[in-house]
Amino acid sequence: MSVAFTKEDSAQTASETLLPDRPIPAGPNLVTPGGLEALQRQLAEAQAAYDQAMRIEDINEKRRQAANPLRDIRYFADRLRSAQVVASPAGNDAVTFGTTVTFTRDDGRVQSYRLVGEDEADPKAGTISFSSPIARALMGKGVGDLVSVGTQELEITAIGVPCNDV
């Protein structure tokens, strides 16, 4: 194999392994107790994937396989350092971090979401970030309140608190 080919492969590998850091959301890093556990689990998974990649003998393949886990380790370690755990809300008088809010849209659709941290948010699973436009508009409001979000008007029909911290 020629040296030129090896250097080309190494240059290509280097470009594949110099991944930019995952963006860190601005603002406080509020998390639920379950969200903190999820961050710890994700950090452990990234570390395990990195350790597995380090066992690969081929240096170029090792670099390729280690790039994503290394980036994830940096991200999750940073998110754990800055995490501010917010205890489950005590009451359901107003929409706050950790509550589940149910609302009706203008078109009649009824939706429920739990307000959680940035890294916990998964709308398909029924959670949205506390910093999302809908969550910001709902915060502090109570049952029966009308909230405008964009061109939609939402009516809060229920506010619930989690039974447990996960």
N, C-alpha and C. Protein backbone atom coordinates (compact mmCIF):
# COMPACT_ATOMS: atom_id res chain seq x y z
N MET A 1 0.85 -1.17 0.00
CA MET A 1 0.00 0.00 0.00
C MET A 1 0.90 1.24 0.00
N SER A 2 0.55 2.22 -0.80
CA SER A 2 1.39 3.41 -0.88
C SER A 2 1.15 4.31 0.33
N VAL A 3 2.13 5.09 0.68
CA VAL A 3 2.04 6.03 1.78
C VAL A 3 0.98 7.08 1.49
N ALA A 4 0.87 7.50 0.23
CA ALA A 4 -0.12 8.51 -0.14
C ALA A 4 -1.53 8.01 0.17
N PHE A 5 -1.81 6.76 -0.14
CA PHE A 5 -3.13 6.22 0.14
C PHE A 5 -3.40 6.18 1.64
N THR A 6 -2.42 5.79 2.42
CA THR A 6 -2.55 5.73 3.87
C THR A 6 -2.82 7.12 4.43
N LYS A 7 -2.09 8.11 3.94
CA LYS A 7 -2.30 9.47 4.43
C LYS A 7 -3.69 9.97 4.05
N GLU A 8 -4.14 9.65 2.85
CA GLU A 8 -5.48 10.07 2.43
C GLU A 8 -6.52 9.46 3.34
N ASP A 9 -6.37 8.18 3.64
CA ASP A 9 -7.30 7.50 4.53
C ASP A 9 -7.27 8.14 5.91
N SER A 10 -6.08 8.46 6.40
CA SER A 10 -5.95 9.09 7.71
C SER A 10 -6.58 10.47 7.71
N ALA A 11 -6.42 11.23 6.65
CA ALA A 11 -7.03 12.56 6.57
C ALA A 11 -8.55 12.44 6.56
N GLN A 12 -9.05 11.48 5.80
CA GLN A 12 -10.50 11.27 5.76
C GLN A 12 -10.99 10.86 7.15
N THR A 13 -10.29 9.96 7.80
CA THR A 13 -10.66 9.51 9.14
C THR A 13 -10.65 10.68 10.12
N ALA A 14 -9.62 11.51 10.02
CA ALA A 14 -9.53 12.66 10.92
C ALA A 14 -10.74 13.57 10.74
N SER A 15 -11.16 13.79 9.52
CA SER A 15 -12.32 14.66 9.30
C SER A 15 -13.60 14.02 9.83
N GLU A 16 -13.67 12.70 9.83
CA GLU A 16 -14.84 12.00 10.35
C GLU A 16 -14.85 11.97 11.87
N THR A 17 -13.70 12.10 12.49
CA THR A 17 -13.62 11.96 13.94
C THR A 17 -13.55 13.29 14.68
N LEU A 18 -13.45 14.38 13.97
CA LEU A 18 -13.45 15.69 14.61
C LEU A 18 -14.86 16.26 14.58
N LEU A 19 -15.74 15.66 15.37
CA LEU A 19 -17.13 16.07 15.37
C LEU A 19 -17.32 17.31 16.24
N PRO A 20 -18.17 18.22 15.82
CA PRO A 20 -18.44 19.38 16.67
C PRO A 20 -19.22 18.95 17.91
N ASP A 21 -19.06 19.69 18.99
CA ASP A 21 -19.80 19.38 20.21
C ASP A 21 -21.29 19.55 19.96
N ARG A 22 -22.08 18.77 20.68
CA ARG A 22 -23.53 18.92 20.62
C ARG A 22 -23.88 20.27 21.23
N PRO A 23 -24.82 20.99 20.64
CA PRO A 23 -25.16 22.31 21.20
C PRO A 23 -25.78 22.19 22.58
N ILE A 24 -25.38 23.08 23.47
CA ILE A 24 -25.93 23.15 24.82
C ILE A 24 -27.01 24.22 24.82
N PRO A 25 -28.24 23.83 25.20
CA PRO A 25 -29.32 24.83 25.23
C PRO A 25 -28.99 25.97 26.20
N ALA A 26 -29.40 27.16 25.83
CA ALA A 26 -29.20 28.33 26.69
C ALA A 26 -30.16 28.25 27.87
N GLY A 27 -29.82 28.93 28.93
CA GLY A 27 -30.70 28.98 30.09
C GLY A 27 -30.39 27.89 31.09
N PRO A 28 -31.19 27.86 32.17
CA PRO A 28 -30.93 26.87 33.22
C PRO A 28 -31.20 25.45 32.73
N ASN A 29 -30.50 24.50 33.31
CA ASN A 29 -30.65 23.09 32.96
C ASN A 29 -31.52 22.41 34.01
N LEU A 30 -32.82 22.73 34.00
CA LEU A 30 -33.75 22.12 34.95
C LEU A 30 -34.04 20.70 34.51
N VAL A 31 -34.09 19.79 35.48
CA VAL A 31 -34.41 18.39 35.21
C VAL A 31 -35.30 17.85 36.31
N THR A 32 -36.11 16.86 35.96
CA THR A 32 -36.87 16.13 36.96
C THR A 32 -35.93 15.10 37.58
N PRO A 33 -36.30 14.50 38.71
CA PRO A 33 -35.46 13.42 39.25
C PRO A 33 -35.26 12.29 38.23
N GLY A 34 -36.30 11.96 37.49
CA GLY A 34 -36.18 10.94 36.45
C GLY A 34 -35.27 11.39 35.32
N GLY A 35 -35.29 12.68 35.02
CA GLY A 35 -34.41 13.23 33.98
C GLY A 35 -32.95 13.15 34.38
N LEU A 36 -32.66 13.36 35.67
CA LEU A 36 -31.29 13.23 36.16
C LEU A 36 -30.82 11.79 35.99
N GLU A 37 -31.68 10.84 36.35
CA GLU A 37 -31.33 9.42 36.18
C GLU A 37 -31.08 9.10 34.71
N ALA A 38 -31.89 9.67 33.82
CA ALA A 38 -31.72 9.42 32.38
C ALA A 38 -30.38 9.97 31.89
N LEU A 39 -30.00 11.16 32.35
CA LEU A 39 -28.70 11.73 31.97
C LEU A 39 -27.56 10.84 32.46
N GLN A 40 -27.66 10.34 33.69
CA GLN A 40 -26.63 9.45 34.22
C GLN A 40 -26.54 8.17 33.40
N ARG A 41 -27.69 7.63 33.04
CA ARG A 41 -27.73 6.40 32.23
C ARG A 41 -27.12 6.64 30.84
N GLN A 42 -27.47 7.77 30.23
CA GLN A 42 -26.94 8.09 28.89
C GLN A 42 -25.43 8.30 28.93
N LEU A 43 -24.92 8.92 30.00
CA LEU A 43 -23.48 9.08 30.15
C LEU A 43 -22.81 7.71 30.27
N ALA A 44 -23.39 6.83 31.06
CA ALA A 44 -22.82 5.48 31.23
C ALA A 44 -22.84 4.71 29.91
N GLU A 45 -23.92 4.85 29.13
CA GLU A 45 -24.00 4.18 27.83
C GLU A 45 -22.95 4.72 26.86
N ALA A 46 -22.76 6.04 26.87
CA ALA A 46 -21.75 6.64 26.00
C ALA A 46 -20.35 6.17 26.40
N GLN A 47 -20.11 6.09 27.71
CA GLN A 47 -18.81 5.63 28.19
C GLN A 47 -18.57 4.18 27.79
N ALA A 48 -19.61 3.34 27.88
CA ALA A 48 -19.48 1.93 27.49
C ALA A 48 -19.20 1.81 25.99
N ALA A 49 -19.87 2.63 25.18
CA ALA A 49 -19.63 2.61 23.73
C ALA A 49 -18.21 3.07 23.41
N TYR A 50 -17.73 4.07 24.13
CA TYR A 50 -16.36 4.55 23.93
C TYR A 50 -15.36 3.46 24.32
N ASP A 51 -15.59 2.82 25.46
CA ASP A 51 -14.70 1.75 25.92
C ASP A 51 -14.66 0.62 24.89
N GLN A 52 -15.81 0.29 24.33
CA GLN A 52 -15.88 -0.76 23.30
C GLN A 52 -15.07 -0.34 22.06
N ALA A 53 -15.20 0.92 21.67
CA ALA A 53 -14.46 1.41 20.49
C ALA A 53 -12.95 1.36 20.73
N MET A 54 -12.53 1.59 21.97
CA MET A 54 -11.11 1.59 22.28
C MET A 54 -10.48 0.19 22.17
N ARG A 55 -11.31 -0.84 22.11
CA ARG A 55 -10.80 -2.20 21.97
C ARG A 55 -10.54 -2.58 20.51
N ILE A 56 -10.94 -1.73 19.57
CA ILE A 56 -10.74 -2.00 18.14
C ILE A 56 -9.26 -1.80 17.81
N GLU A 57 -8.70 -2.74 17.08
CA GLU A 57 -7.27 -2.68 16.78
C GLU A 57 -6.93 -1.68 15.67
N ASP A 58 -7.72 -1.63 14.62
CA ASP A 58 -7.45 -0.72 13.51
C ASP A 58 -7.65 0.72 13.98
N ILE A 59 -6.60 1.51 13.92
CA ILE A 59 -6.62 2.88 14.46
C ILE A 59 -7.67 3.76 13.78
N ASN A 60 -7.80 3.64 12.46
CA ASN A 60 -8.79 4.47 11.76
C ASN A 60 -10.21 4.09 12.16
N GLU A 61 -10.47 2.79 12.25
CA GLU A 61 -11.80 2.34 12.66
C GLU A 61 -12.06 2.70 14.12
N LYS A 62 -11.03 2.61 14.94
CA LYS A 62 -11.17 2.99 16.35
C LYS A 62 -11.59 4.45 16.47
N ARG A 63 -10.93 5.31 15.68
CA ARG A 63 -11.28 6.74 15.70
C ARG A 63 -12.71 6.97 15.25
N ARG A 64 -13.10 6.28 14.17
CA ARG A 64 -14.47 6.44 13.66
C ARG A 64 -15.50 6.01 14.70
N GLN A 65 -15.27 4.85 15.30
CA GLN A 65 -16.23 4.30 16.26
C GLN A 65 -16.26 5.07 17.59
N ALA A 66 -15.18 5.74 17.92
CA ALA A 66 -15.10 6.47 19.19
C ALA A 66 -15.63 7.90 19.08
N ALA A 67 -15.76 8.42 17.89
CA ALA A 67 -16.11 9.84 17.71
C ALA A 67 -17.44 10.21 18.35
N ASN A 68 -18.50 9.50 18.01
CA ASN A 68 -19.82 9.84 18.58
C ASN A 68 -19.88 9.63 20.09
N PRO A 69 -19.41 8.48 20.60
CA PRO A 69 -19.45 8.32 22.06
C PRO A 69 -18.64 9.39 22.81
N LEU A 70 -17.49 9.77 22.26
CA LEU A 70 -16.68 10.80 22.92
C LEU A 70 -17.42 12.14 22.96
N ARG A 71 -18.06 12.47 21.86
CA ARG A 71 -18.86 13.71 21.84
C ARG A 71 -20.01 13.62 22.85
N ASP A 72 -20.67 12.46 22.92
CA ASP A 72 -21.77 12.29 23.86
C ASP A 72 -21.29 12.35 25.31
N ILE A 73 -20.12 11.80 25.58
CA ILE A 73 -19.56 11.87 26.94
C ILE A 73 -19.38 13.32 27.35
N ARG A 74 -18.81 14.12 26.47
CA ARG A 74 -18.62 15.55 26.79
C ARG A 74 -19.96 16.23 27.05
N TYR A 75 -20.95 15.94 26.21
CA TYR A 75 -22.27 16.57 26.34
C TYR A 75 -22.95 16.16 27.66
N PHE A 76 -23.06 14.86 27.89
CA PHE A 76 -23.79 14.40 29.08
C PHE A 76 -23.06 14.76 30.37
N ALA A 77 -21.74 14.76 30.37
CA ALA A 77 -20.99 15.19 31.55
C ALA A 77 -21.28 16.66 31.85
N ASP A 78 -21.31 17.49 30.81
CA ASP A 78 -21.63 18.91 30.99
C ASP A 78 -23.05 19.09 31.50
N ARG A 79 -24.00 18.33 30.92
CA ARG A 79 -25.40 18.45 31.34
C ARG A 79 -25.59 17.97 32.78
N LEU A 80 -24.85 16.96 33.19
CA LEU A 80 -24.94 16.51 34.59
C LEU A 80 -24.35 17.55 35.54
N ARG A 81 -23.24 18.16 35.14
CA ARG A 81 -22.62 19.20 35.99
C ARG A 81 -23.56 20.38 36.21
N SER A 82 -24.32 20.73 35.18
CA SER A 82 -25.17 21.92 35.27
C SER A 82 -26.62 21.60 35.66
N ALA A 83 -26.94 20.33 35.87
CA ALA A 83 -28.33 19.94 36.16
C ALA A 83 -28.80 20.53 37.49
N GLN A 84 -30.01 21.05 37.45
CA GLN A 84 -30.68 21.57 38.65
C GLN A 84 -31.96 20.75 38.81
N VAL A 85 -31.95 19.83 39.76
CA VAL A 85 -33.10 18.95 39.95
C VAL A 85 -34.23 19.73 40.59
N VAL A 86 -35.40 19.64 39.98
CA VAL A 86 -36.59 20.30 40.49
C VAL A 86 -37.51 19.20 41.02
N ALA A 87 -37.84 19.29 42.29
CA ALA A 87 -38.71 18.29 42.91
C ALA A 87 -40.09 18.33 42.26
N SER A 88 -40.78 17.22 42.36
CA SER A 88 -42.14 17.15 41.82
C SER A 88 -43.00 18.23 42.47
N PRO A 89 -43.87 18.84 41.68
CA PRO A 89 -44.72 19.90 42.23
C PRO A 89 -45.65 19.35 43.31
N ALA A 90 -45.92 20.18 44.31
CA ALA A 90 -46.76 19.75 45.43
C ALA A 90 -48.25 19.84 45.10
N GLY A 91 -48.62 20.77 44.25
CA GLY A 91 -50.03 20.97 43.97
C GLY A 91 -50.30 21.12 42.49
N ASN A 92 -51.58 21.22 42.18
CA ASN A 92 -51.97 21.34 40.78
C ASN A 92 -52.82 22.59 40.54
N ASP A 93 -52.56 23.65 41.29
CA ASP A 93 -53.30 24.90 41.12
C ASP A 93 -52.87 25.66 39.88
N ALA A 94 -51.60 25.49 39.50
CA ALA A 94 -51.07 26.22 38.35
C ALA A 94 -50.10 25.32 37.59
N VAL A 95 -49.92 25.63 36.33
CA VAL A 95 -48.97 24.89 35.50
C VAL A 95 -47.56 25.31 35.92
N THR A 96 -46.75 24.32 36.31
CA THR A 96 -45.37 24.56 36.70
C THR A 96 -44.50 23.45 36.12
N PHE A 97 -43.19 23.60 36.28
CA PHE A 97 -42.26 22.57 35.84
C PHE A 97 -42.64 21.26 36.52
N GLY A 98 -42.76 20.20 35.73
CA GLY A 98 -43.08 18.88 36.27
C GLY A 98 -44.55 18.51 36.23
N THR A 99 -45.44 19.50 36.07
CA THR A 99 -46.86 19.17 36.01
C THR A 99 -47.23 18.67 34.62
N THR A 100 -48.34 17.96 34.57
CA THR A 100 -48.91 17.55 33.29
C THR A 100 -50.12 18.44 33.06
N VAL A 101 -50.13 19.08 31.92
CA VAL A 101 -51.23 20.00 31.60
C VAL A 101 -52.01 19.44 30.41
N THR A 102 -53.33 19.48 30.55
CA THR A 102 -54.21 19.06 29.47
C THR A 102 -54.93 20.31 28.98
N PHE A 103 -54.98 20.46 27.66
CA PHE A 103 -55.63 21.63 27.09
C PHE A 103 -56.38 21.24 25.83
N THR A 104 -57.35 22.08 25.49
CA THR A 104 -58.13 21.90 24.27
C THR A 104 -57.75 23.02 23.31
N ARG A 105 -57.50 22.64 22.06
CA ARG A 105 -57.17 23.61 21.02
C ARG A 105 -58.45 24.13 20.37
N ASP A 106 -58.32 25.21 19.58
CA ASP A 106 -59.44 25.79 18.85
C ASP A 106 -60.18 24.76 18.01
N ASP A 107 -59.41 23.84 17.41
CA ASP A 107 -60.01 22.87 16.49
C ASP A 107 -60.62 21.67 17.22
N GLY A 108 -60.62 21.70 18.56
CA GLY A 108 -61.23 20.63 19.34
C GLY A 108 -60.29 19.55 19.80
N ARG A 109 -59.06 19.54 19.30
CA ARG A 109 -58.09 18.53 19.74
C ARG A 109 -57.76 18.73 21.21
N VAL A 110 -57.68 17.63 21.93
CA VAL A 110 -57.28 17.66 23.33
C VAL A 110 -55.88 17.04 23.42
N GLN A 111 -54.97 17.75 24.08
CA GLN A 111 -53.60 17.27 24.21
C GLN A 111 -53.15 17.40 25.66
N SER A 112 -52.28 16.48 26.07
CA SER A 112 -51.69 16.51 27.41
C SER A 112 -50.18 16.38 27.29
N TYR A 113 -49.47 17.20 28.04
CA TYR A 113 -48.01 17.16 28.06
C TYR A 113 -47.52 17.41 29.48
N ARG A 114 -46.45 16.73 29.82
CA ARG A 114 -45.75 17.01 31.06
C ARG A 114 -44.60 17.95 30.72
N LEU A 115 -44.42 19.01 31.52
CA LEU A 115 -43.36 19.98 31.30
C LEU A 115 -42.09 19.50 32.01
N VAL A 116 -41.06 19.26 31.23
CA VAL A 116 -39.81 18.67 31.73
C VAL A 116 -38.61 19.44 31.20
N GLY A 117 -37.42 18.95 31.51
CA GLY A 117 -36.18 19.58 31.05
C GLY A 117 -35.93 19.37 29.58
N GLU A 118 -34.98 20.14 29.04
CA GLU A 118 -34.63 20.09 27.61
C GLU A 118 -34.28 18.68 27.13
N ASP A 119 -33.46 17.98 27.91
CA ASP A 119 -32.99 16.67 27.49
C ASP A 119 -34.03 15.57 27.67
N GLU A 120 -35.07 15.85 28.43
CA GLU A 120 -36.13 14.87 28.68
C GLU A 120 -37.27 14.97 27.67
N ALA A 121 -37.38 16.08 26.99
CA ALA A 121 -38.52 16.36 26.14
C ALA A 121 -38.65 15.36 24.99
N ASP A 122 -39.85 14.82 24.84
CA ASP A 122 -40.19 13.91 23.76
C ASP A 122 -41.69 14.02 23.53
N PRO A 123 -42.11 14.94 22.66
CA PRO A 123 -43.55 15.17 22.46
C PRO A 123 -44.34 13.91 22.13
N LYS A 124 -43.75 12.97 21.39
CA LYS A 124 -44.45 11.73 21.07
C LYS A 124 -44.74 10.92 22.33
N ALA A 125 -43.89 11.09 23.35
CA ALA A 125 -44.06 10.37 24.61
C ALA A 125 -44.84 11.21 25.63
N GLY A 126 -45.30 12.40 25.23
CA GLY A 126 -46.11 13.22 26.11
C GLY A 126 -45.35 14.17 27.01
N THR A 127 -44.11 14.51 26.62
CA THR A 127 -43.35 15.48 27.40
C THR A 127 -42.85 16.59 26.48
N ILE A 128 -42.85 17.82 26.99
CA ILE A 128 -42.30 18.94 26.24
C ILE A 128 -41.38 19.73 27.17
N SER A 129 -40.44 20.42 26.57
CA SER A 129 -39.49 21.22 27.33
C SER A 129 -40.19 22.42 27.96
N PHE A 130 -39.78 22.73 29.18
CA PHE A 130 -40.32 23.89 29.88
C PHE A 130 -40.02 25.18 29.14
N SER A 131 -39.05 25.17 28.24
CA SER A 131 -38.68 26.38 27.52
C SER A 131 -39.35 26.47 26.15
N SER A 132 -40.18 25.49 25.80
CA SER A 132 -40.88 25.54 24.51
C SER A 132 -41.91 26.67 24.54
N PRO A 133 -42.28 27.19 23.38
CA PRO A 133 -43.25 28.29 23.35
C PRO A 133 -44.58 27.94 24.03
N ILE A 134 -45.08 26.74 23.82
CA ILE A 134 -46.35 26.35 24.47
C ILE A 134 -46.17 26.31 25.98
N ALA A 135 -45.11 25.69 26.46
CA ALA A 135 -44.88 25.59 27.90
C ALA A 135 -44.74 26.97 28.53
N ARG A 136 -43.97 27.85 27.88
CA ARG A 136 -43.79 29.20 28.43
C ARG A 136 -45.13 29.93 28.53
N ALA A 137 -46.00 29.74 27.54
CA ALA A 137 -47.31 30.40 27.57
C ALA A 137 -48.21 29.82 28.65
N LEU A 138 -48.07 28.53 28.94
CA LEU A 138 -48.93 27.87 29.93
C LEU A 138 -48.48 28.07 31.37
N MET A 139 -47.20 28.32 31.58
CA MET A 139 -46.65 28.44 32.94
C MET A 139 -47.41 29.47 33.77
N GLY A 140 -47.76 29.07 34.98
CA GLY A 140 -48.44 29.96 35.91
C GLY A 140 -49.94 30.05 35.72
N LYS A 141 -50.46 29.46 34.68
CA LYS A 141 -51.89 29.52 34.40
C LYS A 141 -52.61 28.38 35.13
N GLY A 142 -53.93 28.52 35.27
CA GLY A 142 -54.74 27.52 35.96
C GLY A 142 -55.82 26.95 35.07
N VAL A 143 -56.55 25.99 35.61
CA VAL A 143 -57.64 25.35 34.88
C VAL A 143 -58.67 26.41 34.50
N GLY A 144 -59.11 26.37 33.25
CA GLY A 144 -60.09 27.33 32.74
C GLY A 144 -59.47 28.53 32.06
N ASP A 145 -58.17 28.75 32.26
CA ASP A 145 -57.49 29.89 31.62
C ASP A 145 -57.34 29.64 30.12
N LEU A 146 -57.45 30.73 29.36
CA LEU A 146 -57.21 30.68 27.92
C LEU A 146 -55.84 31.26 27.65
N VAL A 147 -55.10 30.59 26.75
CA VAL A 147 -53.73 31.00 26.43
C VAL A 147 -53.60 31.08 24.92
N SER A 148 -53.01 32.15 24.43
CA SER A 148 -52.77 32.29 23.00
C SER A 148 -51.34 31.84 22.68
N VAL A 149 -51.23 30.95 21.70
CA VAL A 149 -49.94 30.47 21.23
C VAL A 149 -49.99 30.57 19.71
N GLY A 150 -49.25 31.53 19.17
CA GLY A 150 -49.31 31.76 17.73
C GLY A 150 -50.73 32.18 17.36
N THR A 151 -51.31 31.47 16.41
CA THR A 151 -52.68 31.79 15.99
C THR A 151 -53.71 30.93 16.71
N GLN A 152 -53.25 30.05 17.58
CA GLN A 152 -54.14 29.14 18.31
C GLN A 152 -54.48 29.69 19.69
N GLU A 153 -55.66 29.34 20.16
CA GLU A 153 -56.03 29.62 21.54
C GLU A 153 -56.23 28.28 22.23
N LEU A 154 -55.62 28.14 23.39
CA LEU A 154 -55.70 26.90 24.15
C LEU A 154 -56.46 27.16 25.45
N GLU A 155 -57.30 26.20 25.83
CA GLU A 155 -57.99 26.29 27.11
C GLU A 155 -57.48 25.17 28.00
N ILE A 156 -56.96 25.54 29.16
CA ILE A 156 -56.45 24.55 30.09
C ILE A 156 -57.64 23.85 30.74
N THR A 157 -57.67 22.52 30.64
CA THR A 157 -58.79 21.75 31.19
C THR A 157 -58.39 20.92 32.41
N ALA A 158 -57.10 20.64 32.59
CA ALA A 158 -56.65 19.88 33.76
C ALA A 158 -55.16 20.09 33.97
N ILE A 159 -54.79 20.01 35.25
CA ILE A 159 -53.37 20.07 35.64
C ILE A 159 -53.15 18.91 36.61
N GLY A 160 -52.16 18.10 36.30
CA GLY A 160 -51.87 16.95 37.16
C GLY A 160 -50.44 16.98 37.64
N VAL A 161 -50.23 16.29 38.76
CA VAL A 161 -48.88 16.14 39.29
C VAL A 161 -48.49 14.68 39.17
N PRO A 162 -47.20 14.40 38.94
CA PRO A 162 -46.79 13.00 38.79
C PRO A 162 -46.95 12.23 40.09
N CYS A 163 -47.26 10.95 39.96
CA CYS A 163 -47.39 10.07 41.13
C CYS A 163 -46.04 9.73 41.72
N ASN A 164 -45.01 9.74 40.84
CA ASN A 164 -43.66 9.41 41.28
C ASN A 164 -42.70 10.33 40.56
N ASP A 165 -41.43 10.18 40.86
CA ASP A 165 -40.43 11.10 40.31
C ASP A 165 -39.80 10.62 39.02
N VAL A 166 -40.36 9.68 38.31
CA VAL A 166 -39.79 9.22 37.05
C VAL A 166 -40.69 9.50 35.90
